[in-house]
Protein backbone atom coordinates (compact mmCIF):
# COMPACT_ATOMS: atom_id res chain seq x y z
CA SER A 1 -95.13 -4.28 21.86
CA GLY A 2 -93.89 -0.27 21.82
CA LYS A 3 -91.62 -1.11 24.14
CA LYS A 4 -88.17 0.88 23.26
CA LEU A 5 -84.23 0.70 23.98
CA ALA A 6 -82.31 3.24 24.13
CA GLY A 7 -85.18 5.01 22.04
CA PHE A 8 -85.41 2.24 19.52
CA THR A 9 -88.44 0.36 18.67
CA ARG A 10 -87.84 -3.64 18.17
CA GLU A 11 -88.26 -3.18 14.40
CA GLN A 12 -85.29 -0.48 14.05
CA VAL A 13 -83.43 -3.00 16.07
CA MET A 14 -83.94 -5.68 13.25
CA GLU A 15 -83.78 -3.18 10.67
CA GLY A 16 -80.69 -2.04 12.36
CA ALA A 17 -79.19 -5.40 12.34
CA ASP A 18 -79.87 -6.37 8.96
CA LEU A 19 -77.98 -2.91 7.68
CA ALA A 20 -75.28 -4.07 9.58
CA THR A 21 -74.80 -7.40 8.06
CA ARG A 22 -75.85 -6.48 4.62
CA THR A 23 -73.50 -3.82 4.39
CA TYR A 24 -70.46 -6.04 4.19
CA SER A 25 -68.45 -5.34 0.49
CA LYS A 26 -66.15 -7.87 -1.54
CA GLY A 27 -63.58 -5.94 -1.09
CA GLY A 28 -62.17 -2.95 -2.08
CA PHE A 29 -64.24 -0.63 -3.53
CA ASP A 30 -66.92 -3.23 -5.18
CA LEU A 31 -70.13 -3.99 -3.12
CA ASP A 32 -71.24 -7.60 -3.26
CA SER A 33 -74.49 -8.71 -4.49
CA SER A 34 -76.51 -8.22 -1.01
CA GLU A 35 -75.25 -4.78 -0.42
CA ALA A 36 -76.16 -3.90 -4.02
CA GLN A 37 -79.86 -5.08 -3.35
CA LEU A 38 -79.99 -2.98 -0.09
CA MET A 39 -79.51 0.21 -1.80
CA THR A 40 -81.67 -0.60 -4.70
CA GLU A 41 -84.58 -1.48 -1.62
CA TYR A 42 -83.98 1.52 0.16
CA ALA A 43 -83.82 3.81 -3.00
CA GLU A 44 -87.31 2.26 -3.91
CA ASN A 45 -88.43 3.88 -0.78
CA GLY A 46 -87.35 7.08 -0.94
CA TRP A 47 -84.12 6.96 0.66
CA SER A 48 -80.51 8.03 -1.61
CA VAL A 49 -77.59 5.71 -0.58
CA LYS A 50 -74.29 6.13 -1.20
CA PRO A 51 -71.11 4.33 -0.19
CA PHE A 52 -68.61 6.07 1.48
CA PHE A 53 -64.68 5.41 1.23
CA SER A 54 -61.32 5.54 2.25
CA LYS A 55 -58.60 5.84 0.49
CA ARG A 56 -58.14 2.05 0.66
CA GLU A 57 -61.53 0.66 0.69
CA HIS A 58 -65.43 1.11 0.98
CA SER A 59 -65.71 1.39 4.85
CA GLY A 60 -69.68 1.81 4.84
CA LEU A 61 -73.32 3.09 3.24
CA PHE A 62 -74.63 6.83 3.90
CA LEU A 63 -78.05 7.01 3.69
CA SER A 64 -80.61 10.10 3.80
CA LYS A 65 -84.03 11.06 3.29
CA ILE A 66 -86.42 13.87 3.63
CA ASP A 67 -90.09 13.88 4.55
CA PRO A 68 -90.99 17.00 2.78
CA VAL A 69 -94.49 16.83 5.29
CA THR A 70 -92.98 16.78 8.75
CA LYS A 71 -90.21 18.80 7.37
CA LYS A 72 -87.84 16.36 9.24
CA ALA A 73 -84.80 14.23 7.84
CA GLN A 74 -82.87 11.49 8.53
CA ILE A 75 -79.36 10.41 8.30
CA LYS A 76 -78.03 6.60 8.74
CA ILE A 77 -74.45 6.16 8.46
CA VAL A 78 -73.24 2.03 8.55
CA TYR A 79 -69.81 0.85 9.00
CA HIS A 80 -69.25 -2.66 7.96
CA GLY A 81 -67.29 -5.01 10.19
CA THR A 82 -64.13 -7.26 9.78
CA ASP A 83 -63.67 -8.88 6.42
CA LYS A 84 -60.05 -8.72 5.22
CA GLY A 85 -57.56 -9.84 6.55
CA TYR A 86 -55.66 -6.46 7.46
CA HIS A 87 -58.68 -5.56 9.29
CA TRP A 88 -56.90 -7.23 11.65
CA ALA A 89 -54.04 -5.19 11.93
CA THR A 90 -56.80 -2.39 12.86
CA ASN A 91 -58.50 -4.73 15.57
CA LEU A 92 -55.00 -5.91 17.30
CA ASN A 93 -53.72 -1.91 17.37
CA ALA A 94 -54.96 -1.25 20.72
CA ALA A 95 -52.55 1.50 21.60
CA LYS A 96 -54.51 4.09 23.27
CA LYS A 97 -54.53 7.28 21.29
CA ASP A 98 -56.35 10.73 21.52
CA ALA A 99 -57.92 12.77 19.18
CA SER A 100 -58.50 16.41 18.55
CA TRP A 101 -62.38 15.05 18.48
CA LEU A 102 -62.32 13.19 22.07
CA PRO A 103 -62.68 15.04 24.69
CA SER A 104 -59.26 16.03 26.46
CA GLU A 105 -60.22 14.38 30.07
CA TYR A 106 -63.28 13.42 31.67
CA GLU A 107 -63.39 14.20 35.54
CA GLY A 108 -59.42 14.89 35.54
CA ALA A 109 -58.44 11.65 34.41
CA PRO A 110 -57.06 11.64 30.67
CA VAL A 111 -59.76 10.00 27.80
CA TYR A 112 -58.24 7.84 25.33
CA ALA A 113 -59.47 5.48 22.72
CA HIS A 114 -58.28 2.35 20.79
CA ALA A 115 -55.66 3.55 18.09
CA GLY A 116 -56.58 1.09 15.31
CA PHE A 117 -60.53 2.35 15.01
CA VAL A 118 -59.89 6.21 15.75
CA ASN A 119 -57.58 5.77 12.87
CA GLY A 120 -60.36 4.23 10.89
CA VAL A 121 -62.41 6.71 11.02
CA ASP A 122 -60.00 9.36 10.34
CA ALA A 123 -59.27 7.24 7.22
CA SER A 124 -62.80 7.78 5.48
CA TRP A 125 -64.09 10.69 7.23
CA ASP A 126 -63.43 13.46 4.85
CA VAL A 127 -65.94 11.71 2.87
CA LEU A 128 -68.22 11.23 5.40
CA ASN A 129 -67.90 14.69 6.27
CA THR A 130 -68.95 16.05 2.76
CA TYR A 131 -72.11 13.87 2.31
CA VAL A 132 -73.40 15.29 5.92
CA VAL A 133 -72.26 18.69 4.99
CA SER A 134 -74.22 18.26 1.57
CA GLU A 135 -77.30 16.77 2.77
CA LEU A 136 -77.46 19.53 5.85
CA TYR A 137 -77.38 22.17 3.21
CA ASN A 138 -79.95 20.09 1.17
CA CYS A 139 -82.07 20.13 4.28
CA TYR A 140 -81.62 23.78 4.40
CA GLN A 141 -82.81 24.54 1.17
CA LYS A 142 -85.73 22.53 1.78
CA GLY A 143 -86.67 24.64 5.12
CA ILE A 144 -86.01 21.78 7.59
CA ARG A 145 -84.23 22.99 10.51
CA ARG A 146 -81.00 21.26 11.61
CA ASP A 147 -82.26 20.43 14.56
CA ASP A 148 -85.21 18.44 12.63
CA VAL A 149 -82.25 15.90 11.30
CA SER A 150 -81.50 12.62 13.23
CA PHE A 151 -78.42 10.65 12.78
CA GLU A 152 -78.99 7.10 13.58
CA VAL A 153 -75.11 5.38 13.51
CA VAL A 154 -75.11 1.42 12.95
CA GLY A 155 -72.02 -1.28 12.84
CA HIS A 156 -70.88 -4.55 13.77
CA SER A 157 -67.74 -5.49 14.88
CA MET A 158 -65.53 -3.24 13.98
CA GLY A 159 -67.66 -1.60 12.26
CA ALA A 160 -69.61 -1.23 15.76
CA ALA A 161 -66.47 0.13 17.20
CA ASN A 162 -65.96 2.58 14.13
CA ALA A 163 -69.91 4.11 14.57
CA THR A 164 -69.10 4.37 18.75
CA LEU A 165 -66.53 6.88 17.44
CA ALA A 166 -68.00 8.29 14.47
CA ALA A 167 -71.25 9.14 16.48
CA MET A 168 -68.90 11.25 19.14
CA ARG A 169 -67.04 12.96 16.07
CA LEU A 170 -70.34 14.23 15.08
CA ILE A 171 -70.71 15.91 18.09
CA GLN A 172 -67.58 16.67 19.36
CA GLY A 173 -66.01 17.43 15.90
CA GLU A 174 -66.12 19.80 13.56
CA LEU A 175 -69.71 19.40 12.87
CA HIS A 176 -71.31 20.19 16.18
CA ILE A 177 -74.06 18.09 16.05
CA LYS A 178 -76.43 18.04 19.07
CA ASN A 179 -76.23 14.59 20.59
CA THR A 180 -80.13 14.52 21.18
CA ASN A 181 -80.14 13.89 17.64
CA VAL A 182 -77.32 11.32 17.38
CA SER A 183 -78.09 7.50 18.42
CA VAL A 184 -75.89 4.65 17.62
CA MET A 185 -76.70 0.97 17.40
CA THR A 186 -73.75 -1.76 17.43
CA PHE A 187 -73.47 -5.20 17.44
CA GLU A 188 -70.61 -7.53 18.95
CA SER A 189 -68.54 -4.54 19.74
CA PRO A 190 -65.09 -4.34 21.01
CA ARG A 191 -63.91 -1.99 23.44
CA VAL A 192 -63.61 1.39 21.99
CA PHE A 193 -62.44 3.30 25.05
CA ASN A 194 -60.18 3.80 28.06
CA PRO A 195 -62.34 4.01 31.40
CA ALA A 196 -62.39 8.04 31.69
CA GLY A 197 -63.16 7.66 27.81
CA ALA A 198 -66.03 5.14 28.65
CA HIS A 199 -67.36 7.66 30.97
CA ALA A 200 -67.29 10.39 28.67
CA TYR A 201 -69.35 8.66 26.31
CA GLU A 202 -71.93 7.41 28.53
CA ALA A 203 -72.68 11.24 30.04
CA LEU A 204 -72.40 11.85 25.88
CA LEU A 205 -74.36 8.86 24.51
CA GLY A 206 -75.19 6.80 27.26
CA GLU A 207 -79.06 6.91 27.17
CA ARG A 208 -79.11 6.83 23.32
CA THR A 209 -77.11 3.84 22.33
CA LEU A 210 -78.09 0.71 22.16
CA ARG A 211 -75.25 -2.30 22.38
CA VAL A 212 -75.98 -5.80 21.17
CA GLY A 213 -73.61 -7.92 22.43
CA ASN A 214 -72.81 -12.04 23.44
CA LYS A 215 -70.84 -12.04 26.56
CA HIS A 216 -69.09 -15.47 25.35
CA ASP A 217 -67.80 -13.64 21.90
CA ILE A 218 -64.08 -12.56 22.74
CA VAL A 219 -64.44 -9.69 20.76
CA THR A 220 -66.78 -7.71 22.89
CA HIS A 221 -63.52 -8.01 25.48
CA VAL A 222 -61.02 -6.74 23.25
CA GLY A 223 -59.89 -3.42 23.58
CA PRO A 224 -57.95 -0.82 25.37
């Protein structure tokens, strides 16, 4: 129909949902057959695809593609959701936590996020950060400006919460990506922030975030 939601077309939303569904793994560092097939499909269409990891497990997929004609590049970061027993410890660790890459306050009120999800993003960030820096340098070598690299961060369930925080870290953290270059698509996300944190996120990325959820799903009401 041509209509967009938070900057996404219907086709992009369907693609995001497919990515979020197929990024789940067997466990540990192993990929399941659906994820391996996804990597093959995207590679055949010119994407570089590789998993990123914490010290404990595979956390999601990093996809990148350069268009040499338009001199633009795309990066997709996709987090998997809860698929192992110990993930519930992450989900239930809903204590409020700050981080150096979160705003310290919003309109005078302190900003906090769900501790389990902050820890989850931190756990794989070193690998993810290395991938992003490497891809930005690759773009620079090919004459693509930093402002012409777009980021799309996607996740389902626990992965949706991680995607939300990772997008904020791309902007507020050491990489200093412009917020206008970052978009977020989440499916069935738990709550991530306290009220001040939610307002800070909305100011930064609200217009570029699409949240898909079921109001009857208890997961979407859990959080700090």
